[in-house]
Amino acid sequence: MAHHKSAKKRIRQDERKRLHNRYYKKSARTAIRKLRDLEDRSEAEKQLPQLFSMIDRLAKRNLWHQNKANNLKSGLAEHVNRLG
């Protein structure tokens, strides 16, 4: 257990950040899952820019590695292009 006032504050801040980050990561994963389940190409193309923005934000905040973000975006774009 922390003994210093600053260490206790850091623990409180870290917990808030952890919950905040978890929310945005989970939202992005859910959006990715929904995009992959879509059958309609026009609908998928509408959602793709918003999803790319979410992924880029997570990479910018170092919640996901930049390479992971790039690989996800590439795979999703490929998926949308394959739709009929």
PDB file of N, CA and C in Angstrom:
ATOM      1  N   MET A   1       0.840  -1.187   0.000  1.00  0.00           N
ATOM      2  CA  MET A   1       0.000   0.000   0.000  1.00  0.00           C
ATOM      3  C   MET A   1       0.875   1.237   0.000  1.00  0.00           C
ATOM      4  N   ALA A   2       0.431   2.243  -0.697  1.00  0.00           N
ATOM      5  CA  ALA A   2       1.194   3.489  -0.809  1.00  0.00           C
ATOM      6  C   ALA A   2       1.186   4.235   0.523  1.00  0.00           C
ATOM      7  N   HIS A   3       2.299   4.888   0.828  1.00  0.00           N
ATOM      8  CA  HIS A   3       2.419   5.634   2.072  1.00  0.00           C
ATOM      9  C   HIS A   3       2.451   7.135   1.839  1.00  0.00           C
ATOM     10  N   HIS A   4       2.885   7.552   0.664  1.00  0.00           N
ATOM     11  CA  HIS A   4       2.999   8.979   0.382  1.00  0.00           C
ATOM     12  C   HIS A   4       1.707   9.492  -0.241  1.00  0.00           C
ATOM     13  N   LYS A   5       1.439  10.734   0.024  1.00  0.00           N
ATOM     14  CA  LYS A   5       0.230  11.381  -0.499  1.00  0.00           C
ATOM     15  C   LYS A   5       0.216  11.363  -2.021  1.00  0.00           C
ATOM     16  N   SER A   6       1.368  11.628  -2.616  1.00  0.00           N
ATOM     17  CA  SER A   6       1.448  11.663  -4.081  1.00  0.00           C
ATOM     18  C   SER A   6       1.231  10.277  -4.683  1.00  0.00           C
ATOM     19  N   ALA A   7       1.699   9.232  -4.001  1.00  0.00           N
ATOM     20  CA  ALA A   7       1.510   7.865  -4.507  1.00  0.00           C
ATOM     21  C   ALA A   7       0.037   7.478  -4.438  1.00  0.00           C
ATOM     22  N   LYS A   8      -0.657   7.910  -3.381  1.00  0.00           N
ATOM     23  CA  LYS A   8      -2.085   7.625  -3.258  1.00  0.00           C
ATOM     24  C   LYS A   8      -2.865   8.345  -4.354  1.00  0.00           C
ATOM     25  N   LYS A   9      -2.473   9.576  -4.647  1.00  0.00           N
ATOM     26  CA  LYS A   9      -3.123  10.329  -5.721  1.00  0.00           C
ATOM     27  C   LYS A   9      -2.881   9.647  -7.066  1.00  0.00           C
ATOM     28  N   ARG A  10      -1.657   9.187  -7.286  1.00  0.00           N
ATOM     29  CA  ARG A  10      -1.321   8.503  -8.533  1.00  0.00           C
ATOM     30  C   ARG A  10      -2.183   7.255  -8.701  1.00  0.00           C
ATOM     31  N   ILE A  11      -2.418   6.528  -7.625  1.00  0.00           N
ATOM     32  CA  ILE A  11      -3.264   5.326  -7.683  1.00  0.00           C
ATOM     33  C   ILE A  11      -4.686   5.702  -8.088  1.00  0.00           C
ATOM     34  N   ARG A  12      -5.212   6.779  -7.520  1.00  0.00           N
ATOM     35  CA  ARG A  12      -6.561   7.229  -7.872  1.00  0.00           C
ATOM     36  C   ARG A  12      -6.633   7.635  -9.343  1.00  0.00           C
ATOM     37  N   GLN A  13      -5.628   8.374  -9.793  1.00  0.00           N
ATOM     38  CA  GLN A  13      -5.618   8.823 -11.191  1.00  0.00           C
ATOM     39  C   GLN A  13      -5.509   7.639 -12.144  1.00  0.00           C
ATOM     40  N   ASP A  14      -4.647   6.690 -11.808  1.00  0.00           N
ATOM     41  CA  ASP A  14      -4.451   5.525 -12.672  1.00  0.00           C
ATOM     42  C   ASP A  14      -5.734   4.712 -12.817  1.00  0.00           C
ATOM     43  N   GLU A  15      -6.490   4.603 -11.720  1.00  0.00           N
ATOM     44  CA  GLU A  15      -7.741   3.856 -11.775  1.00  0.00           C
ATOM     45  C   GLU A  15      -8.745   4.547 -12.694  1.00  0.00           C
ATOM     46  N   ARG A  16      -8.845   5.870 -12.601  1.00  0.00           N
ATOM     47  CA  ARG A  16      -9.749   6.608 -13.480  1.00  0.00           C
ATOM     48  C   ARG A  16      -9.328   6.461 -14.941  1.00  0.00           C
ATOM     49  N   LYS A  17      -8.038   6.573 -15.198  1.00  0.00           N
ATOM     50  CA  LYS A  17      -7.547   6.438 -16.577  1.00  0.00           C
ATOM     51  C   LYS A  17      -7.784   5.030 -17.106  1.00  0.00           C
ATOM     52  N   ARG A  18      -7.598   4.022 -16.244  1.00  0.00           N
ATOM     53  CA  ARG A  18      -7.785   2.640 -16.662  1.00  0.00           C
ATOM     54  C   ARG A  18      -9.234   2.412 -17.102  1.00  0.00           C
ATOM     55  N   LEU A  19     -10.179   2.910 -16.320  1.00  0.00           N
ATOM     56  CA  LEU A  19     -11.586   2.744 -16.677  1.00  0.00           C
ATOM     57  C   LEU A  19     -11.936   3.518 -17.948  1.00  0.00           C
ATOM     58  N   HIS A  20     -11.382   4.712 -18.087  1.00  0.00           N
ATOM     59  CA  HIS A  20     -11.600   5.539 -19.271  1.00  0.00           C
ATOM     60  C   HIS A  20     -11.064   4.839 -20.515  1.00  0.00           C
ATOM     61  N   ASN A  21      -9.841   4.334 -20.423  1.00  0.00           N
ATOM     62  CA  ASN A  21      -9.215   3.652 -21.556  1.00  0.00           C
ATOM     63  C   ASN A  21      -9.958   2.370 -21.905  1.00  0.00           C
ATOM     64  N   ARG A  22     -10.399   1.652 -20.879  1.00  0.00           N
ATOM     65  CA  ARG A  22     -11.106   0.397 -21.111  1.00  0.00           C
ATOM     66  C   ARG A  22     -12.395   0.643 -21.886  1.00  0.00           C
ATOM     67  N   TYR A  23     -13.089   1.727 -21.569  1.00  0.00           N
ATOM     68  CA  TYR A  23     -14.324   2.079 -22.270  1.00  0.00           C
ATOM     69  C   TYR A  23     -14.060   2.301 -23.760  1.00  0.00           C
ATOM     70  N   TYR A  24     -13.039   3.086 -24.092  1.00  0.00           N
ATOM     71  CA  TYR A  24     -12.765   3.401 -25.492  1.00  0.00           C
ATOM     72  C   TYR A  24     -12.240   2.189 -26.256  1.00  0.00           C
ATOM     73  N   LYS A  25     -11.443   1.356 -25.614  1.00  0.00           N
ATOM     74  CA  LYS A  25     -10.957   0.152 -26.281  1.00  0.00           C
ATOM     75  C   LYS A  25     -12.101  -0.819 -26.556  1.00  0.00           C
ATOM     76  N   LYS A  26     -12.983  -0.971 -25.583  1.00  0.00           N
ATOM     77  CA  LYS A  26     -14.120  -1.878 -25.754  1.00  0.00           C
ATOM     78  C   LYS A  26     -15.067  -1.359 -26.831  1.00  0.00           C
ATOM     79  N   SER A  27     -15.276  -0.042 -26.858  1.00  0.00           N
ATOM     80  CA  SER A  27     -16.142   0.553 -27.890  1.00  0.00           C
ATOM     81  C   SER A  27     -15.577   0.292 -29.278  1.00  0.00           C
ATOM     82  N   ALA A  28     -14.275   0.420 -29.420  1.00  0.00           N
ATOM     83  CA  ALA A  28     -13.635   0.188 -30.724  1.00  0.00           C
ATOM     84  C   ALA A  28     -13.754  -1.280 -31.124  1.00  0.00           C
ATOM     85  N   ARG A  29     -13.542  -2.187 -30.180  1.00  0.00           N
ATOM     86  CA  ARG A  29     -13.656  -3.614 -30.498  1.00  0.00           C
ATOM     87  C   ARG A  29     -15.083  -3.964 -30.917  1.00  0.00           C
ATOM     88  N   THR A  30     -16.065  -3.378 -30.252  1.00  0.00           N
ATOM     89  CA  THR A  30     -17.459  -3.632 -30.603  1.00  0.00           C
ATOM     90  C   THR A  30     -17.769  -3.095 -32.000  1.00  0.00           C
ATOM     91  N   ALA A  31     -17.271  -1.910 -32.311  1.00  0.00           N
ATOM     92  CA  ALA A  31     -17.496  -1.317 -33.630  1.00  0.00           C
ATOM     93  C   ALA A  31     -16.844  -2.164 -34.721  1.00  0.00           C
ATOM     94  N   ILE A  32     -15.669  -2.681 -34.445  1.00  0.00           N
ATOM     95  CA  ILE A  32     -14.978  -3.546 -35.410  1.00  0.00           C
ATOM     96  C   ILE A  32     -15.798  -4.811 -35.651  1.00  0.00           C
ATOM     97  N   ARG A  33     -16.303  -5.397 -34.578  1.00  0.00           N
ATOM     98  CA  ARG A  33     -17.112  -6.613 -34.689  1.00  0.00           C
ATOM     99  C   ARG A  33     -18.366  -6.348 -35.523  1.00  0.00           C
ATOM    100  N   LYS A  34     -19.019  -5.214 -35.282  1.00  0.00           N
ATOM    101  CA  LYS A  34     -20.228  -4.888 -36.034  1.00  0.00           C
ATOM    102  C   LYS A  34     -19.920  -4.686 -37.513  1.00  0.00           C
ATOM    103  N   LEU A  35     -18.788  -4.047 -37.820  1.00  0.00           N
ATOM    104  CA  LEU A  35     -18.416  -3.834 -39.216  1.00  0.00           C
ATOM    105  C   LEU A  35     -18.158  -5.166 -39.909  1.00  0.00           C
ATOM    106  N   ARG A  36     -17.494  -6.062 -39.213  1.00  0.00           N
ATOM    107  CA  ARG A  36     -17.190  -7.370 -39.814  1.00  0.00           C
ATOM    108  C   ARG A  36     -18.450  -8.196 -40.043  1.00  0.00           C
ATOM    109  N   ASP A  37     -19.498  -7.950 -39.264  1.00  0.00           N
ATOM    110  CA  ASP A  37     -20.750  -8.692 -39.422  1.00  0.00           C
ATOM    111  C   ASP A  37     -21.639  -8.137 -40.531  1.00  0.00           C
ATOM    112  N   LEU A  38     -21.348  -6.926 -41.008  1.00  0.00           N
ATOM    113  CA  LEU A  38     -22.180  -6.306 -42.040  1.00  0.00           C
ATOM    114  C   LEU A  38     -22.059  -7.048 -43.362  1.00  0.00           C
ATOM    115  N   GLU A  39     -23.180  -7.108 -44.070  1.00  0.00           N
ATOM    116  CA  GLU A  39     -23.204  -7.726 -45.400  1.00  0.00           C
ATOM    117  C   GLU A  39     -23.316  -6.669 -46.500  1.00  0.00           C
ATOM    118  N   ASP A  40     -23.813  -5.492 -46.153  1.00  0.00           N
ATOM    119  CA  ASP A  40     -24.060  -4.425 -47.125  1.00  0.00           C
ATOM    120  C   ASP A  40     -22.810  -3.550 -47.287  1.00  0.00           C
ATOM    121  N   ARG A  41     -22.300  -3.484 -48.488  1.00  0.00           N
ATOM    122  CA  ARG A  41     -21.058  -2.750 -48.731  1.00  0.00           C
ATOM    123  C   ARG A  41     -21.217  -1.245 -48.509  1.00  0.00           C
ATOM    124  N   SER A  42     -22.333  -0.671 -48.953  1.00  0.00           N
ATOM    125  CA  SER A  42     -22.508   0.776 -48.814  1.00  0.00           C
ATOM    126  C   SER A  42     -22.572   1.185 -47.346  1.00  0.00           C
ATOM    127  N   GLU A  43     -23.229   0.382 -46.528  1.00  0.00           N
ATOM    128  CA  GLU A  43     -23.302   0.666 -45.091  1.00  0.00           C
ATOM    129  C   GLU A  43     -21.920   0.538 -44.450  1.00  0.00           C
ATOM    130  N   ALA A  44     -21.175  -0.455 -44.852  1.00  0.00           N
ATOM    131  CA  ALA A  44     -19.821  -0.665 -44.311  1.00  0.00           C
ATOM    132  C   ALA A  44     -18.908   0.496 -44.704  1.00  0.00           C
ATOM    133  N   GLU A  45     -19.048   0.984 -45.930  1.00  0.00           N
ATOM    134  CA  GLU A  45     -18.217   2.112 -46.374  1.00  0.00           C
ATOM    135  C   GLU A  45     -18.542   3.385 -45.610  1.00  0.00           C
ATOM    136  N   LYS A  46     -19.785   3.543 -45.160  1.00  0.00           N
ATOM    137  CA  LYS A  46     -20.159   4.704 -44.360  1.00  0.00           C
ATOM    138  C   LYS A  46     -19.506   4.646 -42.978  1.00  0.00           C
ATOM    139  N   GLN A  47     -19.447   3.448 -42.402  1.00  0.00           N
ATOM    140  CA  GLN A  47     -18.908   3.294 -41.046  1.00  0.00           C
ATOM    141  C   GLN A  47     -17.386   3.273 -41.000  1.00  0.00           C
ATOM    142  N   LEU A  48     -16.755   2.955 -42.112  1.00  0.00           N
ATOM    143  CA  LEU A  48     -15.301   2.785 -42.135  1.00  0.00           C
ATOM    144  C   LEU A  48     -14.525   4.026 -41.694  1.00  0.00           C
ATOM    145  N   PRO A  49     -14.815   5.248 -42.178  1.00  0.00           N
ATOM    146  CA  PRO A  49     -14.041   6.419 -41.736  1.00  0.00           C
ATOM    147  C   PRO A  49     -14.155   6.685 -40.233  1.00  0.00           C
ATOM    148  N   GLN A  50     -15.351   6.476 -39.662  1.00  0.00           N
ATOM    149  CA  GLN A  50     -15.518   6.675 -38.224  1.00  0.00           C
ATOM    150  C   GLN A  50     -14.707   5.653 -37.440  1.00  0.00           C
ATOM    151  N   LEU A  51     -14.693   4.435 -37.931  1.00  0.00           N
ATOM    152  CA  LEU A  51     -13.935   3.382 -37.261  1.00  0.00           C
ATOM    153  C   LEU A  51     -12.436   3.641 -37.363  1.00  0.00           C
ATOM    154  N   PHE A  52     -11.984   4.110 -38.522  1.00  0.00           N
ATOM    155  CA  PHE A  52     -10.572   4.459 -38.682  1.00  0.00           C
ATOM    156  C   PHE A  52     -10.181   5.554 -37.700  1.00  0.00           C
ATOM    157  N   SER A  53     -11.072   6.515 -37.506  1.00  0.00           N
ATOM    158  CA  SER A  53     -10.812   7.596 -36.575  1.00  0.00           C
ATOM    159  C   SER A  53     -10.665   7.062 -35.146  1.00  0.00           C
ATOM    160  N   MET A  54     -11.538   6.140 -34.756  1.00  0.00           N
ATOM    161  CA  MET A  54     -11.457   5.545 -33.420  1.00  0.00           C
ATOM    162  C   MET A  54     -10.127   4.813 -33.237  1.00  0.00           C
ATOM    163  N   ILE A  55      -9.754   4.049 -34.239  1.00  0.00           N
ATOM    164  CA  ILE A  55      -8.517   3.272 -34.167  1.00  0.00           C
ATOM    165  C   ILE A  55      -7.301   4.198 -34.087  1.00  0.00           C
ATOM    166  N   ASP A  56      -7.309   5.256 -34.895  1.00  0.00           N
ATOM    167  CA  ASP A  56      -6.193   6.213 -34.875  1.00  0.00           C
ATOM    168  C   ASP A  56      -6.064   6.907 -33.529  1.00  0.00           C
ATOM    169  N   ARG A  57      -7.204   7.226 -32.915  1.00  0.00           N
ATOM    170  CA  ARG A  57      -7.170   7.872 -31.596  1.00  0.00           C
ATOM    171  C   ARG A  57      -6.556   6.947 -30.551  1.00  0.00           C
ATOM    172  N   LEU A  58      -6.913   5.664 -30.607  1.00  0.00           N
ATOM    173  CA  LEU A  58      -6.353   4.712 -29.648  1.00  0.00           C
ATOM    174  C   LEU A  58      -4.843   4.568 -29.843  1.00  0.00           C
ATOM    175  N   ALA A  59      -4.406   4.580 -31.090  1.00  0.00           N
ATOM    176  CA  ALA A  59      -2.965   4.475 -31.362  1.00  0.00           C
ATOM    177  C   ALA A  59      -2.244   5.751 -30.924  1.00  0.00           C
ATOM    178  N   LYS A  60      -2.876   6.892 -31.132  1.00  0.00           N
ATOM    179  CA  LYS A  60      -2.272   8.170 -30.748  1.00  0.00           C
ATOM    180  C   LYS A  60      -2.063   8.250 -29.237  1.00  0.00           C
ATOM    181  N   ARG A  61      -3.007   7.681 -28.493  1.00  0.00           N
ATOM    182  CA  ARG A  61      -2.911   7.694 -27.028  1.00  0.00           C
ATOM    183  C   ARG A  61      -2.091   6.530 -26.478  1.00  0.00           C
ATOM    184  N   ASN A  62      -1.487   5.749 -27.359  1.00  0.00           N
ATOM    185  CA  ASN A  62      -0.666   4.597 -26.988  1.00  0.00           C
ATOM    186  C   ASN A  62      -1.451   3.519 -26.260  1.00  0.00           C
ATOM    187  N   LEU A  63      -2.738   3.425 -26.539  1.00  0.00           N
ATOM    188  CA  LEU A  63      -3.528   2.332 -25.980  1.00  0.00           C
ATOM    189  C   LEU A  63      -3.382   1.095 -26.854  1.00  0.00           C
ATOM    190  N   TRP A  64      -3.176   1.311 -28.131  1.00  0.00           N
ATOM    191  CA  TRP A  64      -2.817   0.257 -29.066  1.00  0.00           C
ATOM    192  C   TRP A  64      -1.540   0.686 -29.761  1.00  0.00           C
ATOM    193  N   HIS A  65      -0.711  -0.291 -30.106  1.00  0.00           N
ATOM    194  CA  HIS A  65       0.514   0.006 -30.844  1.00  0.00           C
ATOM    195  C   HIS A  65       0.142   0.478 -32.255  1.00  0.00           C
ATOM    196  N   GLN A  66       0.952   1.349 -32.802  1.00  0.00           N
ATOM    197  CA  GLN A  66       0.670   1.904 -34.136  1.00  0.00           C
ATOM    198  C   GLN A  66       0.586   0.806 -35.190  1.00  0.00           C
ATOM    199  N   ASN A  67       1.444  -0.212 -35.091  1.00  0.00           N
ATOM    200  CA  ASN A  67       1.398  -1.309 -36.071  1.00  0.00           C
ATOM    201  C   ASN A  67       0.095  -2.092 -35.980  1.00  0.00           C
ATOM    202  N   LYS A  68      -0.391  -2.312 -34.750  1.00  0.00           N
ATOM    203  CA  LYS A  68      -1.670  -2.996 -34.571  1.00  0.00           C
ATOM    204  C   LYS A  68      -2.784  -2.193 -35.228  1.00  0.00           C
ATOM    205  N   ALA A  69      -2.759  -0.888 -35.018  1.00  0.00           N
ATOM    206  CA  ALA A  69      -3.775  -0.023 -35.602  1.00  0.00           C
ATOM    207  C   ALA A  69      -3.727  -0.092 -37.129  1.00  0.00           C
ATOM    208  N   ASN A  70      -2.535  -0.014 -37.685  1.00  0.00           N
ATOM    209  CA  ASN A  70      -2.383  -0.063 -39.144  1.00  0.00           C
ATOM    210  C   ASN A  70      -2.841  -1.407 -39.708  1.00  0.00           C
ATOM    211  N   ASN A  71      -2.508  -2.485 -39.012  1.00  0.00           N
ATOM    212  CA  ASN A  71      -2.921  -3.809 -39.471  1.00  0.00           C
ATOM    213  C   ASN A  71      -4.441  -3.958 -39.415  1.00  0.00           C
ATOM    214  N   LEU A  72      -5.058  -3.439 -38.365  1.00  0.00           N
ATOM    215  CA  LEU A  72      -6.516  -3.486 -38.256  1.00  0.00           C
ATOM    216  C   LEU A  72      -7.172  -2.704 -39.387  1.00  0.00           C
ATOM    217  N   LYS A  73      -6.676  -1.486 -39.624  1.00  0.00           N
ATOM    218  CA  LYS A  73      -7.263  -0.646 -40.670  1.00  0.00           C
ATOM    219  C   LYS A  73      -7.118  -1.305 -42.032  1.00  0.00           C
ATOM    220  N   SER A  74      -5.965  -1.892 -42.283  1.00  0.00           N
ATOM    221  CA  SER A  74      -5.736  -2.560 -43.555  1.00  0.00           C
ATOM    222  C   SER A  74      -6.682  -3.746 -43.728  1.00  0.00           C
ATOM    223  N   GLY A  75      -6.815  -4.538 -42.684  1.00  0.00           N
ATOM    224  CA  GLY A  75      -7.697  -5.705 -42.753  1.00  0.00           C
ATOM    225  C   GLY A  75      -9.155  -5.326 -42.915  1.00  0.00           C
ATOM    226  N   LEU A  76      -9.568  -4.272 -42.239  1.00  0.00           N
ATOM    227  CA  LEU A  76     -10.960  -3.832 -42.352  1.00  0.00           C
ATOM    228  C   LEU A  76     -11.261  -3.271 -43.745  1.00  0.00           C
ATOM    229  N   ALA A  77     -10.317  -2.513 -44.286  1.00  0.00           N
ATOM    230  CA  ALA A  77     -10.501  -1.971 -45.629  1.00  0.00           C
ATOM    231  C   ALA A  77     -10.584  -3.113 -46.642  1.00  0.00           C
ATOM    232  N   GLU A  78      -9.760  -4.126 -46.455  1.00  0.00           N
ATOM    233  CA  GLU A  78      -9.767  -5.289 -47.337  1.00  0.00           C
ATOM    234  C   GLU A  78     -11.116  -6.009 -47.230  1.00  0.00           C
ATOM    235  N   HIS A  79     -11.604  -6.137 -46.018  1.00  0.00           N
ATOM    236  CA  HIS A  79     -12.895  -6.794 -45.784  1.00  0.00           C
ATOM    237  C   HIS A  79     -14.031  -6.049 -46.501  1.00  0.00           C
ATOM    238  N   VAL A  80     -14.034  -4.729 -46.382  1.00  0.00           N
ATOM    239  CA  VAL A  80     -15.089  -3.927 -47.007  1.00  0.00           C
ATOM    240  C   VAL A  80     -14.994  -4.033 -48.533  1.00  0.00           C
ATOM    241  N   ASN A  81     -13.791  -4.055 -49.061  1.00  0.00           N
ATOM    242  CA  ASN A  81     -13.625  -4.164 -50.518  1.00  0.00           C
ATOM    243  C   ASN A  81     -14.096  -5.517 -51.053  1.00  0.00           C
ATOM    244  N   ARG A  82     -14.040  -6.547 -50.214  1.00  0.00           N
ATOM    245  CA  ARG A  82     -14.460  -7.883 -50.630  1.00  0.00           C
ATOM    246  C   ARG A  82     -15.988  -8.043 -50.605  1.00  0.00           C
ATOM    247  N   LEU A  83     -16.671  -7.136 -49.907  1.00  0.00           N
ATOM    248  CA  LEU A  83     -18.139  -7.260 -49.820  1.00  0.00           C
ATOM    249  C   LEU A  83     -18.767  -7.041 -51.201  1.00  0.00           C
ATOM    250  N   GLY A  84     -19.896  -7.665 -51.407  1.00  0.00           N
ATOM    251  CA  GLY A  84     -20.561  -7.595 -52.701  1.00  0.00           C
ATOM    252  C   GLY A  84     -21.321  -6.395 -52.937  1.00  0.00           C
TER     253      GLY A  84
END
